[in-house]
């Protein structure tokens, strides 16, 4: 008799442990990283397009930052230029920034340390 009660209790506990997390999963909030995406596309020989797409149900404010390094292998001519651009993206909209190495002239260059992030628009 005791083993039957224990078995029923164990089955109930198992059913609850399976159903309860599933119920809470439906109410979990969606993060901005789930509905924003980043894409990097080479343009001309010295340009890169950095694009963000917003598929969130709210407008977002985004920031893209990068560094252009001129003459990266030179001790004397090496120069680092920090760049950034802010984008305000409505629901379903996209925006982009152009990272360009024109500032380096004929020197070798790299575009590095590309970072991006978005947050809900506060307006």
N, C-alpha and C. Protein backbone atom coordinates (compact mmCIF):
# COMPACT_ATOMS: atom_id res chain seq x y z
N UNK A 1 0.82 -1.19 0.00
CA UNK A 1 0.00 0.00 0.00
C UNK A 1 0.86 1.26 0.00
N UNK A 2 1.92 1.25 0.84
CA UNK A 2 2.79 2.41 0.88
C UNK A 2 3.48 2.67 -0.44
N UNK A 3 3.91 1.63 -1.12
CA UNK A 3 4.61 1.81 -2.39
C UNK A 3 3.69 2.41 -3.45
N UNK A 4 2.39 2.13 -3.38
CA UNK A 4 1.44 2.70 -4.33
C UNK A 4 1.31 4.20 -4.10
N UNK A 5 1.21 4.63 -2.85
CA UNK A 5 1.13 6.06 -2.55
C UNK A 5 2.41 6.77 -2.96
N UNK A 6 3.55 6.15 -2.69
CA UNK A 6 4.82 6.75 -3.05
C UNK A 6 4.93 6.88 -4.57
N UNK A 7 4.48 5.87 -5.29
CA UNK A 7 4.54 5.89 -6.75
C UNK A 7 3.63 6.99 -7.30
N UNK A 8 2.44 7.16 -6.74
CA UNK A 8 1.54 8.24 -7.17
C UNK A 8 2.17 9.61 -6.91
N UNK A 9 2.75 9.76 -5.71
CA UNK A 9 3.39 11.02 -5.37
C UNK A 9 4.55 11.31 -6.31
N UNK A 10 5.35 10.30 -6.62
CA UNK A 10 6.49 10.47 -7.52
C UNK A 10 6.01 10.84 -8.93
N UNK A 11 4.94 10.23 -9.40
CA UNK A 11 4.40 10.55 -10.73
C UNK A 11 3.88 11.98 -10.76
N UNK A 12 3.21 12.42 -9.68
CA UNK A 12 2.72 13.80 -9.60
C UNK A 12 3.89 14.77 -9.61
N UNK A 13 4.91 14.49 -8.84
CA UNK A 13 6.08 15.37 -8.78
C UNK A 13 6.75 15.45 -10.15
N UNK A 14 6.86 14.35 -10.83
CA UNK A 14 7.45 14.33 -12.17
C UNK A 14 6.61 15.15 -13.15
N UNK A 15 5.31 14.99 -13.11
CA UNK A 15 4.43 15.74 -14.00
C UNK A 15 4.53 17.25 -13.74
N UNK A 16 4.58 17.63 -12.49
CA UNK A 16 4.69 19.05 -12.14
C UNK A 16 6.03 19.60 -12.61
N UNK A 17 7.11 18.84 -12.42
CA UNK A 17 8.44 19.32 -12.81
C UNK A 17 8.55 19.48 -14.33
N UNK A 18 7.78 18.75 -15.07
CA UNK A 18 7.80 18.88 -16.54
C UNK A 18 6.91 20.03 -16.99
N UNK A 19 5.73 20.17 -16.41
CA UNK A 19 4.76 21.17 -16.86
C UNK A 19 5.06 22.58 -16.39
N UNK A 20 5.53 22.76 -15.18
CA UNK A 20 5.74 24.09 -14.63
C UNK A 20 6.79 24.87 -15.41
N UNK A 21 7.99 24.34 -15.69
CA UNK A 21 8.95 25.12 -16.47
C UNK A 21 8.42 25.49 -17.86
N UNK A 22 7.65 24.60 -18.48
CA UNK A 22 7.09 24.90 -19.79
C UNK A 22 6.12 26.08 -19.71
N UNK A 23 5.35 26.17 -18.64
CA UNK A 23 4.41 27.29 -18.48
C UNK A 23 5.16 28.60 -18.30
N UNK A 24 6.27 28.59 -17.54
CA UNK A 24 7.05 29.80 -17.34
C UNK A 24 7.82 30.19 -18.58
N UNK A 25 8.20 29.23 -19.40
CA UNK A 25 8.96 29.52 -20.62
C UNK A 25 8.15 30.39 -21.57
N UNK A 26 6.86 30.24 -21.61
CA UNK A 26 6.02 31.03 -22.50
C UNK A 26 5.97 32.50 -22.07
N UNK A 27 6.18 32.77 -20.78
CA UNK A 27 6.11 34.14 -20.30
C UNK A 27 7.48 34.81 -20.26
N UNK A 28 8.54 34.11 -20.65
CA UNK A 28 9.88 34.69 -20.63
C UNK A 28 9.93 35.87 -21.60
N UNK A 29 10.64 36.91 -21.22
CA UNK A 29 10.74 38.08 -22.07
C UNK A 29 11.78 37.86 -23.16
N UNK A 30 11.56 38.51 -24.26
CA UNK A 30 12.45 38.41 -25.40
C UNK A 30 13.53 39.48 -25.25
N UNK A 31 14.74 39.14 -25.53
CA UNK A 31 15.84 40.09 -25.42
C UNK A 31 16.07 40.78 -26.76
N UNK A 32 16.69 41.96 -26.73
CA UNK A 32 16.98 42.68 -27.97
C UNK A 32 17.91 41.88 -28.87
N UNK A 33 18.75 41.05 -28.29
CA UNK A 33 19.66 40.25 -29.11
C UNK A 33 18.90 39.21 -29.94
N UNK A 34 17.66 38.91 -29.55
CA UNK A 34 16.83 37.98 -30.32
C UNK A 34 16.24 38.62 -31.57
N UNK A 35 16.13 39.95 -31.58
CA UNK A 35 15.44 40.60 -32.70
C UNK A 35 16.27 41.69 -33.38
N UNK A 36 17.56 41.76 -33.08
CA UNK A 36 18.46 42.65 -33.82
C UNK A 36 19.58 41.79 -34.39
N UNK A 37 20.06 42.17 -35.56
CA UNK A 37 21.14 41.40 -36.17
C UNK A 37 22.15 42.34 -36.81
N UNK A 38 23.36 41.85 -36.95
CA UNK A 38 24.48 42.63 -37.48
C UNK A 38 25.04 41.92 -38.70
N UNK A 39 25.42 42.72 -39.70
CA UNK A 39 26.00 42.16 -40.92
C UNK A 39 27.14 43.07 -41.37
N UNK A 40 28.23 42.47 -41.80
CA UNK A 40 29.40 43.20 -42.28
C UNK A 40 29.64 42.82 -43.73
N UNK A 41 29.71 43.83 -44.62
CA UNK A 41 29.88 43.57 -46.04
C UNK A 41 31.01 44.42 -46.60
N UNK A 42 31.96 43.78 -47.27
CA UNK A 42 33.04 44.52 -47.93
C UNK A 42 32.47 45.29 -49.10
N UNK A 43 32.83 46.56 -49.19
CA UNK A 43 32.42 47.40 -50.32
C UNK A 43 33.63 47.58 -51.22
N UNK A 44 34.06 48.80 -51.48
CA UNK A 44 35.23 49.04 -52.31
C UNK A 44 36.47 48.45 -51.61
N UNK A 45 37.64 48.64 -52.22
CA UNK A 45 38.87 48.09 -51.66
C UNK A 45 39.16 48.59 -50.24
N UNK A 46 38.66 49.77 -49.90
CA UNK A 46 39.00 50.34 -48.59
C UNK A 46 37.78 50.69 -47.75
N UNK A 47 36.64 50.00 -47.99
CA UNK A 47 35.42 50.31 -47.26
C UNK A 47 34.70 49.02 -46.84
N UNK A 48 34.07 49.11 -45.66
CA UNK A 48 33.26 48.01 -45.15
C UNK A 48 31.94 48.60 -44.65
N UNK A 49 30.83 48.00 -45.07
CA UNK A 49 29.52 48.43 -44.58
C UNK A 49 29.18 47.61 -43.34
N UNK A 50 28.83 48.30 -42.26
CA UNK A 50 28.45 47.68 -40.99
C UNK A 50 26.96 47.97 -40.79
N UNK A 51 26.13 46.94 -40.88
CA UNK A 51 24.68 47.14 -40.88
C UNK A 51 24.00 46.42 -39.72
N UNK A 52 22.94 47.07 -39.19
CA UNK A 52 22.12 46.48 -38.14
C UNK A 52 20.68 46.47 -38.63
N UNK A 53 19.99 45.36 -38.42
CA UNK A 53 18.58 45.22 -38.78
C UNK A 53 17.78 45.05 -37.50
N UNK A 54 16.69 45.81 -37.37
CA UNK A 54 15.82 45.74 -36.20
C UNK A 54 14.51 45.05 -36.57
N UNK A 55 14.28 43.87 -36.02
CA UNK A 55 12.99 43.21 -36.21
C UNK A 55 12.20 43.18 -34.90
N UNK A 56 12.60 44.00 -33.93
CA UNK A 56 11.91 44.11 -32.65
C UNK A 56 10.58 44.84 -32.84
N UNK A 57 9.71 44.72 -31.88
CA UNK A 57 8.41 45.40 -31.90
C UNK A 57 8.50 46.81 -31.33
N UNK A 58 9.71 47.26 -31.01
CA UNK A 58 9.93 48.59 -30.45
C UNK A 58 11.08 49.25 -31.20
N UNK A 59 11.11 50.59 -31.23
CA UNK A 59 12.26 51.27 -31.81
C UNK A 59 13.48 51.08 -30.90
N UNK A 60 14.68 51.03 -31.50
CA UNK A 60 15.90 50.83 -30.73
C UNK A 60 16.95 51.87 -31.11
N UNK A 61 17.82 52.17 -30.16
CA UNK A 61 18.98 53.02 -30.39
C UNK A 61 20.20 52.10 -30.39
N UNK A 62 20.98 52.18 -31.46
CA UNK A 62 22.14 51.29 -31.59
C UNK A 62 23.41 52.11 -31.77
N UNK A 63 24.52 51.48 -31.45
CA UNK A 63 25.82 52.12 -31.64
C UNK A 63 26.77 51.09 -32.22
N UNK A 64 27.52 51.52 -33.24
CA UNK A 64 28.55 50.69 -33.84
C UNK A 64 29.87 51.44 -33.66
N UNK A 65 30.90 50.74 -33.22
CA UNK A 65 32.21 51.37 -33.09
C UNK A 65 33.27 50.46 -33.72
N UNK A 66 34.35 51.08 -34.18
CA UNK A 66 35.44 50.34 -34.81
C UNK A 66 36.71 51.17 -34.77
N UNK A 67 37.82 50.54 -35.12
CA UNK A 67 39.11 51.23 -35.21
C UNK A 67 39.70 51.01 -36.59
N UNK A 68 40.21 52.09 -37.17
CA UNK A 68 40.97 52.00 -38.42
C UNK A 68 42.43 52.17 -38.02
N UNK A 69 43.25 51.18 -38.36
CA UNK A 69 44.67 51.24 -38.04
C UNK A 69 45.44 51.38 -39.35
N UNK A 70 46.12 52.52 -39.49
CA UNK A 70 46.94 52.78 -40.67
C UNK A 70 48.36 52.29 -40.42
N UNK A 71 48.97 51.70 -41.43
CA UNK A 71 50.33 51.15 -41.34
C UNK A 71 50.50 50.29 -40.09
N UNK A 72 49.70 49.24 -39.94
CA UNK A 72 49.71 48.45 -38.70
C UNK A 72 51.06 47.80 -38.39
N UNK A 73 51.88 47.54 -39.39
CA UNK A 73 53.16 46.87 -39.16
C UNK A 73 54.33 47.84 -39.00
N UNK A 74 54.07 49.13 -39.07
CA UNK A 74 55.14 50.13 -38.98
C UNK A 74 55.22 50.70 -37.56
N UNK A 75 56.43 50.87 -37.08
CA UNK A 75 56.61 51.46 -35.75
C UNK A 75 56.45 52.97 -35.78
N UNK A 76 56.83 53.62 -36.88
CA UNK A 76 56.81 55.08 -36.96
C UNK A 76 55.52 55.64 -37.54
N UNK A 77 54.98 55.02 -38.58
CA UNK A 77 53.80 55.57 -39.26
C UNK A 77 52.48 55.04 -38.72
N UNK A 78 52.51 54.07 -37.85
CA UNK A 78 51.27 53.45 -37.34
C UNK A 78 50.39 54.53 -36.69
N UNK A 79 49.13 54.55 -37.08
CA UNK A 79 48.16 55.50 -36.52
C UNK A 79 46.84 54.77 -36.30
N UNK A 80 46.20 55.03 -35.16
CA UNK A 80 44.92 54.39 -34.81
C UNK A 80 43.84 55.47 -34.76
N UNK A 81 42.74 55.23 -35.46
CA UNK A 81 41.62 56.18 -35.52
C UNK A 81 40.36 55.47 -35.02
N UNK A 82 39.84 55.92 -33.87
CA UNK A 82 38.60 55.39 -33.31
C UNK A 82 37.43 56.03 -34.04
N UNK A 83 36.44 55.24 -34.42
CA UNK A 83 35.25 55.74 -35.10
C UNK A 83 34.02 55.10 -34.46
N UNK A 84 32.91 55.81 -34.54
CA UNK A 84 31.64 55.24 -34.08
C UNK A 84 30.49 55.98 -34.75
N UNK A 85 29.35 55.31 -34.75
CA UNK A 85 28.14 55.93 -35.30
C UNK A 85 26.94 55.41 -34.52
N UNK A 86 25.99 56.32 -34.25
CA UNK A 86 24.75 55.96 -33.56
C UNK A 86 23.63 55.87 -34.58
N UNK A 87 22.77 54.89 -34.39
CA UNK A 87 21.64 54.67 -35.30
C UNK A 87 20.36 54.58 -34.49
N UNK A 88 19.31 55.25 -34.94
CA UNK A 88 17.97 55.11 -34.36
C UNK A 88 17.16 54.31 -35.37
N UNK A 89 16.72 53.13 -34.95
CA UNK A 89 16.02 52.23 -35.86
C UNK A 89 14.60 51.97 -35.39
N UNK A 90 13.63 52.28 -36.24
CA UNK A 90 12.23 51.98 -35.95
C UNK A 90 11.98 50.50 -36.13
N UNK A 91 10.81 50.06 -35.73
CA UNK A 91 10.42 48.66 -35.88
C UNK A 91 10.55 48.23 -37.34
N UNK A 92 11.27 47.16 -37.60
CA UNK A 92 11.43 46.62 -38.94
C UNK A 92 12.42 47.38 -39.82
N UNK A 93 13.10 48.36 -39.29
CA UNK A 93 14.03 49.16 -40.09
C UNK A 93 15.46 48.69 -39.91
N UNK A 94 16.29 49.10 -40.82
CA UNK A 94 17.71 48.81 -40.75
C UNK A 94 18.51 50.08 -40.93
N UNK A 95 19.75 50.04 -40.57
CA UNK A 95 20.64 51.17 -40.74
C UNK A 95 22.06 50.68 -40.87
N UNK A 96 22.94 51.54 -41.36
CA UNK A 96 24.32 51.12 -41.54
C UNK A 96 25.28 52.28 -41.36
N UNK A 97 26.53 51.92 -41.16
CA UNK A 97 27.64 52.86 -41.08
C UNK A 97 28.70 52.34 -42.03
N UNK A 98 29.52 53.24 -42.51
CA UNK A 98 30.58 52.84 -43.42
C UNK A 98 31.93 53.04 -42.74
N UNK A 99 32.67 51.96 -42.59
CA UNK A 99 34.02 52.02 -42.06
C UNK A 99 34.95 52.15 -43.26
N UNK A 100 35.70 53.24 -43.30
CA UNK A 100 36.54 53.51 -44.45
C UNK A 100 37.99 53.70 -44.03
N UNK A 101 38.90 53.23 -44.87
CA UNK A 101 40.33 53.40 -44.62
C UNK A 101 40.91 54.51 -45.48
N UNK A 102 40.06 55.37 -46.04
CA UNK A 102 40.55 56.48 -46.86
C UNK A 102 41.56 57.34 -46.11
N UNK A 103 41.38 57.46 -44.81
CA UNK A 103 42.26 58.29 -43.98
C UNK A 103 43.71 57.80 -44.03
N UNK A 104 43.92 56.54 -44.41
CA UNK A 104 45.26 55.97 -44.44
C UNK A 104 46.02 56.27 -45.74
N UNK A 105 45.33 56.81 -46.72
CA UNK A 105 45.98 57.10 -47.99
C UNK A 105 46.48 55.82 -48.65
N UNK A 106 47.76 55.79 -49.04
CA UNK A 106 48.33 54.63 -49.71
C UNK A 106 48.94 53.62 -48.74
N UNK A 107 48.91 53.91 -47.44
CA UNK A 107 49.45 52.97 -46.45
C UNK A 107 48.57 51.74 -46.33
N UNK A 108 49.16 50.68 -45.81
CA UNK A 108 48.38 49.49 -45.48
C UNK A 108 47.43 49.86 -44.33
N UNK A 109 46.39 49.07 -44.13
CA UNK A 109 45.41 49.39 -43.10
C UNK A 109 44.68 48.14 -42.64
N UNK A 110 44.06 48.25 -41.48
CA UNK A 110 43.12 47.22 -41.00
C UNK A 110 41.95 47.93 -40.33
N UNK A 111 40.80 47.30 -40.40
CA UNK A 111 39.63 47.76 -39.65
C UNK A 111 39.38 46.66 -38.63
N UNK A 112 39.41 47.05 -37.36
CA UNK A 112 39.34 46.04 -36.29
C UNK A 112 38.50 46.54 -35.11
N UNK A 113 38.37 45.67 -34.14
CA UNK A 113 37.63 45.96 -32.90
C UNK A 113 36.22 46.47 -33.19
N UNK A 114 35.54 45.82 -34.12
CA UNK A 114 34.16 46.20 -34.44
C UNK A 114 33.25 45.72 -33.32
N UNK A 115 32.48 46.64 -32.74
CA UNK A 115 31.54 46.31 -31.69
C UNK A 115 30.21 46.98 -31.98
N UNK A 116 29.13 46.34 -31.58
CA UNK A 116 27.82 46.94 -31.76
C UNK A 116 26.91 46.53 -30.62
N UNK A 117 25.91 47.34 -30.39
CA UNK A 117 24.93 47.04 -29.36
C UNK A 117 23.71 47.93 -29.53
N UNK A 118 22.58 47.46 -29.02
CA UNK A 118 21.32 48.21 -29.13
C UNK A 118 20.62 48.19 -27.78
N UNK A 119 19.81 49.22 -27.56
CA UNK A 119 18.97 49.30 -26.37
C UNK A 119 17.63 49.89 -26.77
N UNK A 120 16.58 49.65 -25.99
CA UNK A 120 15.27 50.22 -26.34
C UNK A 120 15.34 51.74 -26.38
N UNK A 121 14.65 52.31 -27.35
CA UNK A 121 14.57 53.76 -27.47
C UNK A 121 13.79 54.29 -26.28
N UNK A 122 14.29 55.35 -25.65
CA UNK A 122 13.65 55.88 -24.44
C UNK A 122 12.59 56.94 -24.74
N UNK A 123 12.39 57.30 -25.99
CA UNK A 123 11.38 58.31 -26.35
C UNK A 123 9.99 57.73 -26.34
